[in-house]
Every structure is written in structure tokens, then in C-alpha cells.
Amino acid sequence: MKIKLYEFGPTRSIRVRWTLQELGLAFESVRINLLAGEHRRPEFLKINPAGKIPVLVDDAVVLTESVAIVLYLSEKYADKRRVPSTVEARAQVNRWLLFAATELEQPLWRISRHTTLYPEEERLSKEVLLAGRDFKEMAAVLEKHMQGRQFVAGDT
């Protein structure tokens, strides 16, 4: 069975698409239009009861959560050398993957919600300012970490 990626751009599904492409894997893209409410349809909720994307289906494996999917693919196709071989080095990769998802991406989603996603009467302009500040602080942590490095973790 071919790998299926249930996705909608621009969302976290981009992270999974990028990984699939970097690994050179053939996959079927199934577009779930969030704006049209397709993520709430019964046929999609059978795949992911949370109604969220991305979802990866790889034979009998059904995975949600973009970071979990990226780690799964990287470990399944370890011969493509997307993750290091030692537990210590993999821990650093995991650290930065989770940092990106929690410390960088989260404030950007807060900004998106309060500028475009929520109905205008529910948007909080103060939240946009706070999230922007939070993002800049965490981006500075990553920027400092990258000084003198070519890669976020390891040397490949």
C-alpha cells in the first residue's frame, strides 16, 4: 500500500510533506479542505477522531501529530540518514524538533488565530503583540544556538 498524507497547506502538514520529499518517498496526497469543514466529515473522523491534520497512513500505521510523523518516517527510513545513530545525538534532534513545534510555531499560530482565523469579533489584538514577543525571544535562542553551526544538531 502506498503512503497517504492527509494534508492542507499551509498547516503543520507541510512539515510531513517536506520530510517525505527529502526522503524521496512516493506518497498520495489527500487534500482535506479545512475551510470547507472537510476535517469534520464522518469519513475523515474515522481516520482521525480529533479532526486534525496532518495524518499519515502507512499500511496499518495511522499517525497524527506532525513531529511524531516526521520521527516515524526518519526512523523507518534510517538508511537515508535523517536521524543520527546515537541516542544522545537523537535526543538533540528531538529537542530541537519539539522546540520548533512548541516555542516557535505555537506563538505563530496564536498570531494567525487572532489576525485571520478567528471571527473578527473574537480576535484579541493584545494576544498578537504578546505572541510576537514570545516568538522573537525564542527565535533569538535558536539564532544564538546556530552561531558557528551548519546544522541544528550533529554534523549532517
C-alpha atoms as a PDB file:
ATOM      1  CA  MET A   1       0.000   0.000   0.000  1.00  0.00           C
ATOM      2  CA  LYS A   2       1.177   3.469  -0.818  1.00  0.00           C
ATOM      3  CA  ILE A   3       1.755   6.086   1.879  1.00  0.00           C
ATOM      4  CA  LYS A   4      -1.110   8.564   2.185  1.00  0.00           C
ATOM      5  CA  LEU A   5      -0.743  12.044   3.604  1.00  0.00           C
ATOM      6  CA  TYR A   6      -3.929  13.839   4.604  1.00  0.00           C
ATOM      7  CA  GLU A   7      -2.958  17.486   4.392  1.00  0.00           C
ATOM      8  CA  PHE A   8      -3.954  21.080   3.844  1.00  0.00           C
ATOM      9  CA  GLY A   9      -1.480  23.882   3.279  1.00  0.00           C
ATOM     10  CA  PRO A  10      -0.293  25.983   4.881  1.00  0.00           C
ATOM     11  CA  THR A  11      -0.513  23.922   8.045  1.00  0.00           C
ATOM     12  CA  ARG A  12       1.750  21.601  10.003  1.00  0.00           C
ATOM     13  CA  SER A  13       1.250  19.092   7.200  1.00  0.00           C
ATOM     14  CA  ILE A  14       3.988  20.997   5.345  1.00  0.00           C
ATOM     15  CA  ARG A  15       6.487  19.532   7.838  1.00  0.00           C
ATOM     16  CA  VAL A  16       5.440  15.994   6.867  1.00  0.00           C
ATOM     17  CA  ARG A  17       5.342  16.716   3.124  1.00  0.00           C
ATOM     18  CA  TRP A  18       8.841  18.172   3.344  1.00  0.00           C
ATOM     19  CA  THR A  19      10.138  15.057   5.137  1.00  0.00           C
ATOM     20  CA  LEU A  20       8.510  12.703   2.624  1.00  0.00           C
ATOM     21  CA  GLN A  21      10.062  14.659  -0.226  1.00  0.00           C
ATOM     22  CA  GLU A  22      13.509  14.783   1.413  1.00  0.00           C
ATOM     23  CA  LEU A  23      13.360  11.016   1.916  1.00  0.00           C
ATOM     24  CA  GLY A  24      12.395  10.591  -1.753  1.00  0.00           C
ATOM     25  CA  LEU A  25       9.258   8.632  -0.867  1.00  0.00           C
ATOM     26  CA  ALA A  26       6.280   8.299  -3.161  1.00  0.00           C
ATOM     27  CA  PHE A  27       3.032   9.215  -1.440  1.00  0.00           C
ATOM     28  CA  GLU A  28      -0.568  10.024  -2.213  1.00  0.00           C
ATOM     29  CA  SER A  29      -1.712  13.453  -1.131  1.00  0.00           C
ATOM     30  CA  VAL A  30      -5.274  13.625   0.152  1.00  0.00           C
ATOM     31  CA  ARG A  31      -6.309  17.253   0.498  1.00  0.00           C
ATOM     32  CA  ILE A  32      -8.616  17.947   3.431  1.00  0.00           C
ATOM     33  CA  ASN A  33     -10.046  21.421   2.991  1.00  0.00           C
ATOM     34  CA  LEU A  34     -10.243  22.857   6.488  1.00  0.00           C
ATOM     35  CA  LEU A  35     -12.015  25.980   5.277  1.00  0.00           C
ATOM     36  CA  ALA A  36     -14.805  23.844   3.832  1.00  0.00           C
ATOM     37  CA  GLY A  37     -15.045  21.787   7.049  1.00  0.00           C
ATOM     38  CA  GLU A  38     -13.889  18.525   5.465  1.00  0.00           C
ATOM     39  CA  HIS A  39     -11.993  17.665   8.668  1.00  0.00           C
ATOM     40  CA  ARG A  40     -15.357  17.305  10.435  1.00  0.00           C
ATOM     41  CA  ARG A  41     -16.838  14.846   7.943  1.00  0.00           C
ATOM     42  CA  PRO A  42     -17.533  11.334   9.308  1.00  0.00           C
ATOM     43  CA  GLU A  43     -15.200   9.651   6.799  1.00  0.00           C
ATOM     44  CA  PHE A  44     -12.253  11.781   7.949  1.00  0.00           C
ATOM     45  CA  LEU A  45     -13.146  11.481  11.641  1.00  0.00           C
ATOM     46  CA  LYS A  46     -12.839   7.682  11.219  1.00  0.00           C
ATOM     47  CA  ILE A  47      -9.177   8.269  10.331  1.00  0.00           C
ATOM     48  CA  ASN A  48      -8.548  10.934  12.986  1.00  0.00           C
ATOM     49  CA  PRO A  49     -11.291  11.399  15.581  1.00  0.00           C
ATOM     50  CA  ALA A  50      -9.643  14.684  16.656  1.00  0.00           C
ATOM     51  CA  GLY A  51     -10.411  16.110  13.208  1.00  0.00           C
ATOM     52  CA  LYS A  52      -6.878  17.470  12.800  1.00  0.00           C
ATOM     53  CA  ILE A  53      -4.268  17.276  10.094  1.00  0.00           C
ATOM     54  CA  PRO A  54      -1.773  16.026   9.126  1.00  0.00           C
ATOM     55  CA  VAL A  55      -2.492  12.312   9.196  1.00  0.00           C
ATOM     56  CA  LEU A  56      -0.116   9.768   7.719  1.00  0.00           C
ATOM     57  CA  VAL A  57      -1.363   6.327   6.722  1.00  0.00           C
ATOM     58  CA  ASP A  58       1.417   3.823   6.020  1.00  0.00           C
ATOM     59  CA  ASP A  59      -0.099   0.370   5.618  1.00  0.00           C
ATOM     60  CA  ALA A  60      -1.584  -0.440   9.048  1.00  0.00           C
ATOM     61  CA  VAL A  61       0.116   2.524  10.751  1.00  0.00           C
ATOM     62  CA  VAL A  62      -2.037   5.629  11.185  1.00  0.00           C
ATOM     63  CA  LEU A  63      -0.230   8.564  12.776  1.00  0.00           C
ATOM     64  CA  THR A  64      -1.207  12.078  13.714  1.00  0.00           C
ATOM     65  CA  GLU A  65       0.949  14.909  15.100  1.00  0.00           C
ATOM     66  CA  SER A  66       3.472  16.238  12.614  1.00  0.00           C
ATOM     67  CA  VAL A  67       6.558  15.800  14.813  1.00  0.00           C
ATOM     68  CA  ALA A  68       5.610  12.183  15.603  1.00  0.00           C
ATOM     69  CA  ILE A  69       5.128  11.513  11.884  1.00  0.00           C
ATOM     70  CA  VAL A  70       8.500  13.067  10.998  1.00  0.00           C
ATOM     71  CA  LEU A  71      10.248  10.981  13.665  1.00  0.00           C
ATOM     72  CA  TYR A  72       8.471   7.813  12.492  1.00  0.00           C
ATOM     73  CA  LEU A  73       9.493   8.354   8.879  1.00  0.00           C
ATOM     74  CA  SER A  74      13.046   9.259   9.839  1.00  0.00           C
ATOM     75  CA  GLU A  75      13.426   6.130  11.947  1.00  0.00           C
ATOM     76  CA  LYS A  76      11.667   3.829   9.474  1.00  0.00           C
ATOM     77  CA  TYR A  77      13.966   5.013   6.697  1.00  0.00           C
ATOM     78  CA  ALA A  78      17.098   5.244   8.855  1.00  0.00           C
ATOM     79  CA  ASP A  79      19.219   4.222   5.853  1.00  0.00           C
ATOM     80  CA  LYS A  80      18.530   7.713   4.444  1.00  0.00           C
ATOM     81  CA  ARG A  81      20.399   9.176   7.454  1.00  0.00           C
ATOM     82  CA  ARG A  82      17.844  11.789   8.544  1.00  0.00           C
ATOM     83  CA  VAL A  83      18.472  10.994  12.211  1.00  0.00           C
ATOM     84  CA  PRO A  84      21.763  10.293  13.973  1.00  0.00           C
ATOM     85  CA  SER A  85      22.730   6.804  15.109  1.00  0.00           C
ATOM     86  CA  THR A  86      23.427   7.541  18.803  1.00  0.00           C
ATOM     87  CA  VAL A  87      20.743   8.060  21.414  1.00  0.00           C
ATOM     88  CA  GLU A  88      22.494  11.230  22.625  1.00  0.00           C
ATOM     89  CA  ALA A  89      22.507  12.810  19.169  1.00  0.00           C
ATOM     90  CA  ARG A  90      18.882  11.759  18.530  1.00  0.00           C
ATOM     91  CA  ALA A  91      17.932  13.408  21.818  1.00  0.00           C
ATOM     92  CA  GLN A  92      19.310  16.703  20.473  1.00  0.00           C
ATOM     93  CA  VAL A  93      17.329  16.292  17.236  1.00  0.00           C
ATOM     94  CA  ASN A  94      14.185  15.619  19.284  1.00  0.00           C
ATOM     95  CA  ARG A  95      14.940  18.624  21.475  1.00  0.00           C
ATOM     96  CA  TRP A  96      15.025  20.984  18.507  1.00  0.00           C
ATOM     97  CA  LEU A  97      12.051  19.408  16.738  1.00  0.00           C
ATOM     98  CA  LEU A  98       9.975  19.922  19.858  1.00  0.00           C
ATOM     99  CA  PHE A  99      11.413  23.397  20.406  1.00  0.00           C
ATOM    100  CA  ALA A 100      10.282  24.356  16.910  1.00  0.00           C
ATOM    101  CA  ALA A 101       6.784  22.959  17.472  1.00  0.00           C
ATOM    102  CA  THR A 102       6.236  24.392  20.945  1.00  0.00           C
ATOM    103  CA  GLU A 103       8.337  27.528  21.215  1.00  0.00           C
ATOM    104  CA  LEU A 104       8.404  28.842  17.640  1.00  0.00           C
ATOM    105  CA  GLU A 105       5.286  27.506  15.967  1.00  0.00           C
ATOM    106  CA  GLN A 106       2.889  27.993  18.873  1.00  0.00           C
ATOM    107  CA  PRO A 107       3.161  31.803  19.017  1.00  0.00           C
ATOM    108  CA  LEU A 108       2.870  31.984  15.233  1.00  0.00           C
ATOM    109  CA  TRP A 109      -0.418  30.064  15.446  1.00  0.00           C
ATOM    110  CA  ARG A 110      -1.610  32.478  18.135  1.00  0.00           C
ATOM    111  CA  ILE A 111      -0.874  35.341  15.762  1.00  0.00           C
ATOM    112  CA  SER A 112      -2.677  33.584  12.891  1.00  0.00           C
ATOM    113  CA  ARG A 113      -5.729  32.887  15.012  1.00  0.00           C
ATOM    114  CA  HIS A 114      -6.050  36.477  16.158  1.00  0.00           C
ATOM    115  CA  THR A 115      -5.376  38.074  12.760  1.00  0.00           C
ATOM    116  CA  THR A 116      -7.120  35.804  10.257  1.00  0.00           C
ATOM    117  CA  LEU A 117      -8.618  32.573  11.603  1.00  0.00           C
ATOM    118  CA  TYR A 118     -10.961  33.700  14.358  1.00  0.00           C
ATOM    119  CA  PRO A 119     -14.022  35.782  13.518  1.00  0.00           C
ATOM    120  CA  GLU A 120     -13.125  39.466  13.810  1.00  0.00           C
ATOM    121  CA  GLU A 121     -15.192  39.963  16.963  1.00  0.00           C
ATOM    122  CA  GLU A 122     -13.222  37.190  18.749  1.00  0.00           C
ATOM    123  CA  ARG A 123      -9.736  38.447  17.866  1.00  0.00           C
ATOM    124  CA  LEU A 124      -7.530  39.875  20.602  1.00  0.00           C
ATOM    125  CA  SER A 125      -5.003  42.437  19.374  1.00  0.00           C
ATOM    126  CA  LYS A 126      -3.060  42.224  22.654  1.00  0.00           C
ATOM    127  CA  GLU A 127      -2.550  38.486  22.067  1.00  0.00           C
ATOM    128  CA  VAL A 128      -0.894  39.249  18.707  1.00  0.00           C
ATOM    129  CA  LEU A 129       1.581  41.570  20.443  1.00  0.00           C
ATOM    130  CA  LEU A 130       2.334  39.037  23.204  1.00  0.00           C
ATOM    131  CA  ALA A 131       2.748  36.151  20.768  1.00  0.00           C
ATOM    132  CA  GLY A 132       5.060  38.255  18.596  1.00  0.00           C
ATOM    133  CA  ARG A 133       7.223  38.986  21.610  1.00  0.00           C
ATOM    134  CA  ASP A 134       7.260  35.318  22.636  1.00  0.00           C
ATOM    135  CA  PHE A 135       8.293  34.268  19.127  1.00  0.00           C
ATOM    136  CA  LYS A 136      11.116  36.806  18.921  1.00  0.00           C
ATOM    137  CA  GLU A 137      12.531  35.690  22.282  1.00  0.00           C
ATOM    138  CA  MET A 138      12.581  32.038  21.238  1.00  0.00           C
ATOM    139  CA  ALA A 139      13.889  32.786  17.737  1.00  0.00           C
ATOM    140  CA  ALA A 140      16.812  34.541  19.437  1.00  0.00           C
ATOM    141  CA  VAL A 141      17.558  31.328  21.382  1.00  0.00           C
ATOM    142  CA  LEU A 142      17.741  29.355  18.149  1.00  0.00           C
ATOM    143  CA  GLU A 143      19.757  32.065  16.415  1.00  0.00           C
ATOM    144  CA  LYS A 144      22.324  32.025  19.223  1.00  0.00           C
ATOM    145  CA  HIS A 145      22.470  28.220  19.089  1.00  0.00           C
ATOM    146  CA  MET A 146      23.150  28.335  15.335  1.00  0.00           C
ATOM    147  CA  GLN A 147      26.180  30.636  15.640  1.00  0.00           C
ATOM    148  CA  GLY A 148      29.130  28.767  14.167  1.00  0.00           C
ATOM    149  CA  ARG A 149      26.977  25.760  13.183  1.00  0.00           C
ATOM    150  CA  GLN A 150      25.805  24.472   9.856  1.00  0.00           C
ATOM    151  CA  PHE A 151      23.241  22.072  11.345  1.00  0.00           C
ATOM    152  CA  VAL A 152      20.880  22.438  14.287  1.00  0.00           C
ATOM    153  CA  ALA A 153      22.012  19.095  15.745  1.00  0.00           C
ATOM    154  CA  GLY A 154      25.002  16.967  14.815  1.00  0.00           C
ATOM    155  CA  ASP A 155      27.187  17.431  11.781  1.00  0.00           C
ATOM    156  CA  THR A 156      24.981  16.063   8.991  1.00  0.00           C
END
